[in-house]
Amino acid sequence: MSPPTLSGTQHLETSGPGTTTMTKDGAVVTSTDPSTAPDASIAQKLKGDVSGAVSGSVGSVQAAAGATLRNKNMQEKGLDKMAAEDERLAAKKGSLPVGADKRLEKTEGGALP
């Protein structure tokens, strides 16, 4: 497997499924959501935005409930959902949403509050 190479503006070519994007700050994110593809139809993009908003909201509530109930497993699942939506948005827009870097550090580092 060869490393990703730059093609065009910010999209990277990879051998796996999904859209891989290099964000403005140099992070590389991948999303398997078809709505992030540059050639996605408007219907696919709208469907991806709606389902992403729902998934991100559910993840936020799940993470908050897990933190309140001191259930680390529930909290981690919620943070994972939020991180997946952050990566989908980054693959689509080219930059991570505000606060996404903090959530990614917590989910990758395992240090939950």
N, C-alpha and C. Protein backbone atom coordinates (compact mmCIF):
# COMPACT_ATOMS: atom_id res chain seq x y z
N MET A 1 0.85 -1.17 0.00
CA MET A 1 0.00 0.00 0.00
C MET A 1 0.89 1.24 0.00
N SER A 2 0.68 2.10 -0.96
CA SER A 2 1.49 3.31 -1.04
C SER A 2 0.85 4.41 -0.20
N PRO A 3 1.66 5.35 0.29
CA PRO A 3 1.10 6.43 1.09
C PRO A 3 0.24 7.34 0.23
N PRO A 4 -0.70 8.07 0.86
CA PRO A 4 -1.55 8.97 0.09
C PRO A 4 -0.73 10.04 -0.61
N THR A 5 -1.17 10.43 -1.79
CA THR A 5 -0.49 11.48 -2.53
C THR A 5 -1.48 12.61 -2.82
N LEU A 6 -0.97 13.82 -2.86
CA LEU A 6 -1.80 14.97 -3.11
C LEU A 6 -2.28 15.00 -4.55
N SER A 7 -3.55 15.20 -4.77
CA SER A 7 -4.08 15.34 -6.11
C SER A 7 -5.09 16.48 -6.10
N GLY A 8 -4.80 17.56 -6.71
CA GLY A 8 -5.71 18.70 -6.69
C GLY A 8 -5.47 19.55 -5.48
N THR A 9 -6.55 20.06 -4.92
CA THR A 9 -6.42 21.01 -3.83
C THR A 9 -6.12 20.33 -2.50
N GLN A 10 -7.12 19.68 -1.90
CA GLN A 10 -6.90 19.09 -0.60
C GLN A 10 -7.29 17.63 -0.52
N HIS A 11 -7.85 17.06 -1.57
CA HIS A 11 -8.24 15.66 -1.52
C HIS A 11 -7.04 14.78 -1.82
N LEU A 12 -6.96 13.65 -1.13
CA LEU A 12 -5.86 12.73 -1.29
C LEU A 12 -6.36 11.46 -1.96
N GLU A 13 -5.50 10.83 -2.76
CA GLU A 13 -5.85 9.56 -3.37
C GLU A 13 -5.39 8.43 -2.46
N THR A 14 -6.28 7.51 -2.14
CA THR A 14 -5.91 6.34 -1.35
C THR A 14 -6.49 5.12 -2.02
N SER A 15 -6.02 3.96 -1.61
CA SER A 15 -6.53 2.73 -2.21
C SER A 15 -7.77 2.23 -1.49
N GLY A 16 -8.10 2.77 -0.32
CA GLY A 16 -9.26 2.32 0.44
C GLY A 16 -10.51 3.11 0.10
N PRO A 17 -11.65 2.68 0.65
CA PRO A 17 -12.90 3.38 0.39
C PRO A 17 -12.97 4.69 1.15
N GLY A 18 -13.77 5.60 0.66
CA GLY A 18 -14.00 6.85 1.36
C GLY A 18 -13.24 8.01 0.77
N THR A 19 -13.47 9.15 1.37
CA THR A 19 -12.82 10.38 0.96
C THR A 19 -11.78 10.73 2.00
N THR A 20 -10.55 10.93 1.57
CA THR A 20 -9.47 11.32 2.47
C THR A 20 -9.09 12.75 2.12
N THR A 21 -9.03 13.60 3.14
CA THR A 21 -8.77 15.01 2.94
C THR A 21 -7.67 15.47 3.89
N MET A 22 -6.80 16.34 3.39
CA MET A 22 -5.82 16.99 4.25
C MET A 22 -6.43 18.33 4.65
N THR A 23 -6.59 18.56 5.95
CA THR A 23 -7.19 19.80 6.41
C THR A 23 -6.18 20.93 6.32
N LYS A 24 -6.66 22.14 6.53
CA LYS A 24 -5.82 23.32 6.42
C LYS A 24 -4.68 23.33 7.42
N ASP A 25 -4.89 22.64 8.56
CA ASP A 25 -3.83 22.60 9.57
C ASP A 25 -2.92 21.37 9.41
N GLY A 26 -3.10 20.59 8.34
CA GLY A 26 -2.21 19.48 8.04
C GLY A 26 -2.68 18.12 8.51
N ALA A 27 -3.80 18.05 9.23
CA ALA A 27 -4.34 16.76 9.67
C ALA A 27 -4.94 16.03 8.48
N VAL A 28 -4.83 14.72 8.47
CA VAL A 28 -5.41 13.90 7.41
C VAL A 28 -6.58 13.14 8.00
N VAL A 29 -7.77 13.32 7.40
CA VAL A 29 -8.98 12.67 7.88
C VAL A 29 -9.62 11.88 6.75
N THR A 30 -10.29 10.79 7.11
CA THR A 30 -10.96 9.96 6.12
C THR A 30 -12.40 9.73 6.55
N SER A 31 -13.30 9.80 5.59
CA SER A 31 -14.71 9.52 5.86
C SER A 31 -15.22 8.57 4.79
N THR A 32 -15.94 7.54 5.20
CA THR A 32 -16.54 6.60 4.25
C THR A 32 -17.92 7.05 3.81
N ASP A 33 -18.39 8.17 4.33
CA ASP A 33 -19.69 8.70 3.96
C ASP A 33 -19.64 9.20 2.52
N PRO A 34 -20.53 8.69 1.65
CA PRO A 34 -20.50 9.11 0.24
C PRO A 34 -20.81 10.59 0.04
N SER A 35 -21.40 11.23 1.04
CA SER A 35 -21.74 12.65 0.90
C SER A 35 -20.51 13.55 0.93
N THR A 36 -19.35 13.01 1.33
CA THR A 36 -18.14 13.83 1.38
C THR A 36 -17.37 13.81 0.08
N ALA A 37 -17.76 12.96 -0.85
CA ALA A 37 -17.07 12.89 -2.14
C ALA A 37 -17.30 14.18 -2.92
N PRO A 38 -16.27 14.67 -3.60
CA PRO A 38 -16.42 15.92 -4.36
C PRO A 38 -17.50 15.85 -5.44
N ASP A 39 -17.76 14.65 -5.96
CA ASP A 39 -18.76 14.52 -7.02
C ASP A 39 -20.11 14.02 -6.50
N ALA A 40 -20.35 14.12 -5.20
CA ALA A 40 -21.63 13.67 -4.62
C ALA A 40 -22.76 14.58 -5.09
N SER A 41 -23.93 13.99 -5.27
CA SER A 41 -25.10 14.77 -5.69
C SER A 41 -25.59 15.63 -4.52
N ILE A 42 -26.41 16.60 -4.84
CA ILE A 42 -26.95 17.48 -3.80
C ILE A 42 -27.81 16.67 -2.83
N ALA A 43 -28.56 15.70 -3.33
CA ALA A 43 -29.38 14.85 -2.46
C ALA A 43 -28.51 14.06 -1.49
N GLN A 44 -27.39 13.51 -1.98
CA GLN A 44 -26.48 12.77 -1.10
C GLN A 44 -25.89 13.70 -0.04
N LYS A 45 -25.52 14.91 -0.44
CA LYS A 45 -24.93 15.85 0.51
C LYS A 45 -25.93 16.25 1.59
N LEU A 46 -27.19 16.51 1.18
CA LEU A 46 -28.21 16.87 2.17
C LEU A 46 -28.51 15.71 3.11
N LYS A 47 -28.60 14.50 2.55
CA LYS A 47 -28.83 13.32 3.39
C LYS A 47 -27.68 13.14 4.37
N GLY A 48 -26.45 13.32 3.90
CA GLY A 48 -25.28 13.19 4.78
C GLY A 48 -25.27 14.24 5.87
N ASP A 49 -25.67 15.47 5.53
CA ASP A 49 -25.70 16.54 6.53
C ASP A 49 -26.74 16.26 7.60
N VAL A 50 -27.94 15.81 7.19
CA VAL A 50 -29.00 15.52 8.16
C VAL A 50 -28.62 14.34 9.05
N SER A 51 -28.17 13.26 8.43
CA SER A 51 -27.81 12.09 9.24
C SER A 51 -26.60 12.39 10.13
N GLY A 52 -25.67 13.21 9.64
CA GLY A 52 -24.52 13.60 10.46
C GLY A 52 -24.91 14.46 11.65
N ALA A 53 -25.85 15.38 11.42
CA ALA A 53 -26.32 16.22 12.52
C ALA A 53 -27.01 15.38 13.59
N VAL A 54 -27.81 14.42 13.16
CA VAL A 54 -28.49 13.55 14.12
C VAL A 54 -27.48 12.70 14.88
N SER A 55 -26.54 12.11 14.16
CA SER A 55 -25.53 11.26 14.80
C SER A 55 -24.67 12.06 15.77
N GLY A 56 -24.26 13.27 15.37
CA GLY A 56 -23.46 14.10 16.25
C GLY A 56 -24.22 14.51 17.50
N SER A 57 -25.50 14.81 17.34
CA SER A 57 -26.33 15.19 18.49
C SER A 57 -26.53 14.01 19.44
N VAL A 58 -26.81 12.85 18.88
CA VAL A 58 -26.98 11.65 19.70
C VAL A 58 -25.67 11.34 20.44
N GLY A 59 -24.55 11.49 19.75
CA GLY A 59 -23.25 11.26 20.38
C GLY A 59 -22.99 12.22 21.53
N SER A 60 -23.39 13.47 21.34
CA SER A 60 -23.21 14.47 22.38
C SER A 60 -24.03 14.14 23.62
N VAL A 61 -25.29 13.77 23.41
CA VAL A 61 -26.16 13.40 24.53
C VAL A 61 -25.64 12.14 25.21
N GLN A 62 -25.19 11.18 24.41
CA GLN A 62 -24.67 9.93 24.96
C GLN A 62 -23.41 10.18 25.78
N ALA A 63 -22.51 11.03 25.29
CA ALA A 63 -21.29 11.34 26.03
C ALA A 63 -21.61 12.07 27.33
N ALA A 64 -22.56 13.00 27.28
CA ALA A 64 -22.94 13.74 28.48
C ALA A 64 -23.60 12.81 29.50
N ALA A 65 -24.48 11.92 29.03
CA ALA A 65 -25.12 10.98 29.95
C ALA A 65 -24.09 10.03 30.55
N GLY A 66 -23.15 9.57 29.74
CA GLY A 66 -22.11 8.70 30.25
C GLY A 66 -21.24 9.37 31.29
N ALA A 67 -20.93 10.66 31.07
CA ALA A 67 -20.13 11.39 32.05
C ALA A 67 -20.92 11.61 33.34
N THR A 68 -22.22 11.91 33.20
CA THR A 68 -23.05 12.14 34.37
C THR A 68 -23.22 10.87 35.19
N LEU A 69 -23.43 9.77 34.50
CA LEU A 69 -23.64 8.49 35.19
C LEU A 69 -22.34 7.77 35.51
N ARG A 70 -21.22 8.38 35.17
CA ARG A 70 -19.90 7.80 35.37
C ARG A 70 -19.76 6.44 34.67
N ASN A 71 -20.34 6.38 33.47
CA ASN A 71 -20.27 5.17 32.65
C ASN A 71 -19.29 5.47 31.51
N LYS A 72 -18.04 5.07 31.69
CA LYS A 72 -16.99 5.40 30.71
C LYS A 72 -17.27 4.79 29.34
N ASN A 73 -17.84 3.59 29.29
CA ASN A 73 -18.13 2.94 28.02
C ASN A 73 -19.15 3.77 27.21
N MET A 74 -20.20 4.22 27.87
CA MET A 74 -21.21 5.04 27.21
C MET A 74 -20.60 6.37 26.76
N GLN A 75 -19.79 6.96 27.60
CA GLN A 75 -19.14 8.22 27.28
C GLN A 75 -18.22 8.07 26.07
N GLU A 76 -17.44 7.00 26.03
CA GLU A 76 -16.53 6.77 24.91
C GLU A 76 -17.28 6.55 23.61
N LYS A 77 -18.39 5.83 23.65
CA LYS A 77 -19.20 5.62 22.44
C LYS A 77 -19.75 6.94 21.93
N GLY A 78 -20.20 7.80 22.83
CA GLY A 78 -20.69 9.11 22.43
C GLY A 78 -19.60 9.97 21.81
N LEU A 79 -18.42 9.94 22.42
CA LEU A 79 -17.29 10.70 21.88
C LEU A 79 -16.86 10.16 20.52
N ASP A 80 -16.95 8.83 20.36
CA ASP A 80 -16.61 8.22 19.06
C ASP A 80 -17.58 8.70 17.97
N LYS A 81 -18.87 8.77 18.29
CA LYS A 81 -19.86 9.26 17.32
C LYS A 81 -19.57 10.72 16.95
N MET A 82 -19.23 11.51 17.94
CA MET A 82 -18.93 12.92 17.69
C MET A 82 -17.65 13.05 16.86
N ALA A 83 -16.66 12.22 17.14
CA ALA A 83 -15.41 12.27 16.38
C ALA A 83 -15.63 11.84 14.93
N ALA A 84 -16.50 10.84 14.72
CA ALA A 84 -16.81 10.40 13.36
C ALA A 84 -17.48 11.53 12.57
N GLU A 85 -18.38 12.26 13.21
CA GLU A 85 -19.02 13.38 12.54
C GLU A 85 -18.02 14.50 12.28
N ASP A 86 -17.11 14.74 13.22
CA ASP A 86 -16.07 15.74 13.01
C ASP A 86 -15.22 15.40 11.80
N GLU A 87 -14.86 14.12 11.66
CA GLU A 87 -14.04 13.70 10.53
C GLU A 87 -14.81 13.80 9.22
N ARG A 88 -16.12 13.50 9.26
CA ARG A 88 -16.94 13.63 8.05
C ARG A 88 -16.98 15.09 7.61
N LEU A 89 -17.16 15.99 8.57
CA LEU A 89 -17.20 17.41 8.25
C LEU A 89 -15.84 17.90 7.75
N ALA A 90 -14.77 17.41 8.35
CA ALA A 90 -13.43 17.82 7.92
C ALA A 90 -13.15 17.32 6.51
N ALA A 91 -13.58 16.09 6.20
CA ALA A 91 -13.38 15.55 4.85
C ALA A 91 -14.18 16.35 3.83
N LYS A 92 -15.31 16.88 4.27
CA LYS A 92 -16.19 17.63 3.37
C LYS A 92 -15.72 19.07 3.20
N LYS A 93 -15.33 19.72 4.28
CA LYS A 93 -15.03 21.16 4.27
C LYS A 93 -13.56 21.50 4.21
N GLY A 94 -12.69 20.60 4.66
CA GLY A 94 -11.26 20.89 4.65
C GLY A 94 -10.71 21.43 5.95
N SER A 95 -11.55 21.53 6.98
CA SER A 95 -11.04 21.95 8.29
C SER A 95 -11.90 21.31 9.38
N LEU A 96 -11.26 20.98 10.49
CA LEU A 96 -11.98 20.37 11.59
C LEU A 96 -12.88 21.40 12.27
N PRO A 97 -14.05 21.00 12.76
CA PRO A 97 -14.90 21.93 13.50
C PRO A 97 -14.22 22.38 14.79
N VAL A 98 -14.66 23.49 15.33
CA VAL A 98 -14.09 24.03 16.57
C VAL A 98 -14.28 23.01 17.69
N GLY A 99 -13.22 22.71 18.41
CA GLY A 99 -13.27 21.78 19.52
C GLY A 99 -13.04 20.34 19.14
N ALA A 100 -12.99 20.04 17.85
CA ALA A 100 -12.82 18.65 17.42
C ALA A 100 -11.48 18.09 17.85
N ASP A 101 -10.45 18.91 17.85
CA ASP A 101 -9.13 18.44 18.25
C ASP A 101 -9.13 17.95 19.69
N LYS A 102 -9.88 18.58 20.55
CA LYS A 102 -9.96 18.15 21.95
C LYS A 102 -10.67 16.81 22.06
N ARG A 103 -11.76 16.61 21.30
CA ARG A 103 -12.48 15.34 21.34
C ARG A 103 -11.60 14.22 20.77
N LEU A 104 -10.86 14.50 19.69
CA LEU A 104 -9.99 13.49 19.10
C LEU A 104 -8.88 13.09 20.06
N GLU A 105 -8.33 14.06 20.80
CA GLU A 105 -7.29 13.74 21.78
C GLU A 105 -7.84 12.80 22.85
N LYS A 106 -9.08 13.06 23.31
CA LYS A 106 -9.67 12.24 24.36
C LYS A 106 -9.98 10.84 23.87
N THR A 107 -10.49 10.71 22.64
CA THR A 107 -10.84 9.39 22.16
C THR A 107 -9.61 8.58 21.78
N GLU A 108 -8.57 9.22 21.28
CA GLU A 108 -7.35 8.50 20.91
C GLU A 108 -6.44 8.26 22.11
N GLY A 109 -6.40 9.21 23.03
CA GLY A 109 -5.50 9.09 24.17
C GLY A 109 -6.08 8.28 25.31
N GLY A 110 -7.38 8.11 25.32
CA GLY A 110 -8.02 7.33 26.36
C GLY A 110 -8.19 8.07 27.68
N ALA A 111 -7.78 9.34 27.75
CA ALA A 111 -7.90 10.09 28.99
C ALA A 111 -9.22 10.85 29.01
N LEU A 112 -10.24 10.24 29.56
CA LEU A 112 -11.54 10.89 29.66
C LEU A 112 -11.65 11.58 31.01
N PRO A 113 -12.35 12.70 31.04
CA PRO A 113 -12.49 13.42 32.33
C PRO A 113 -13.30 12.66 33.33
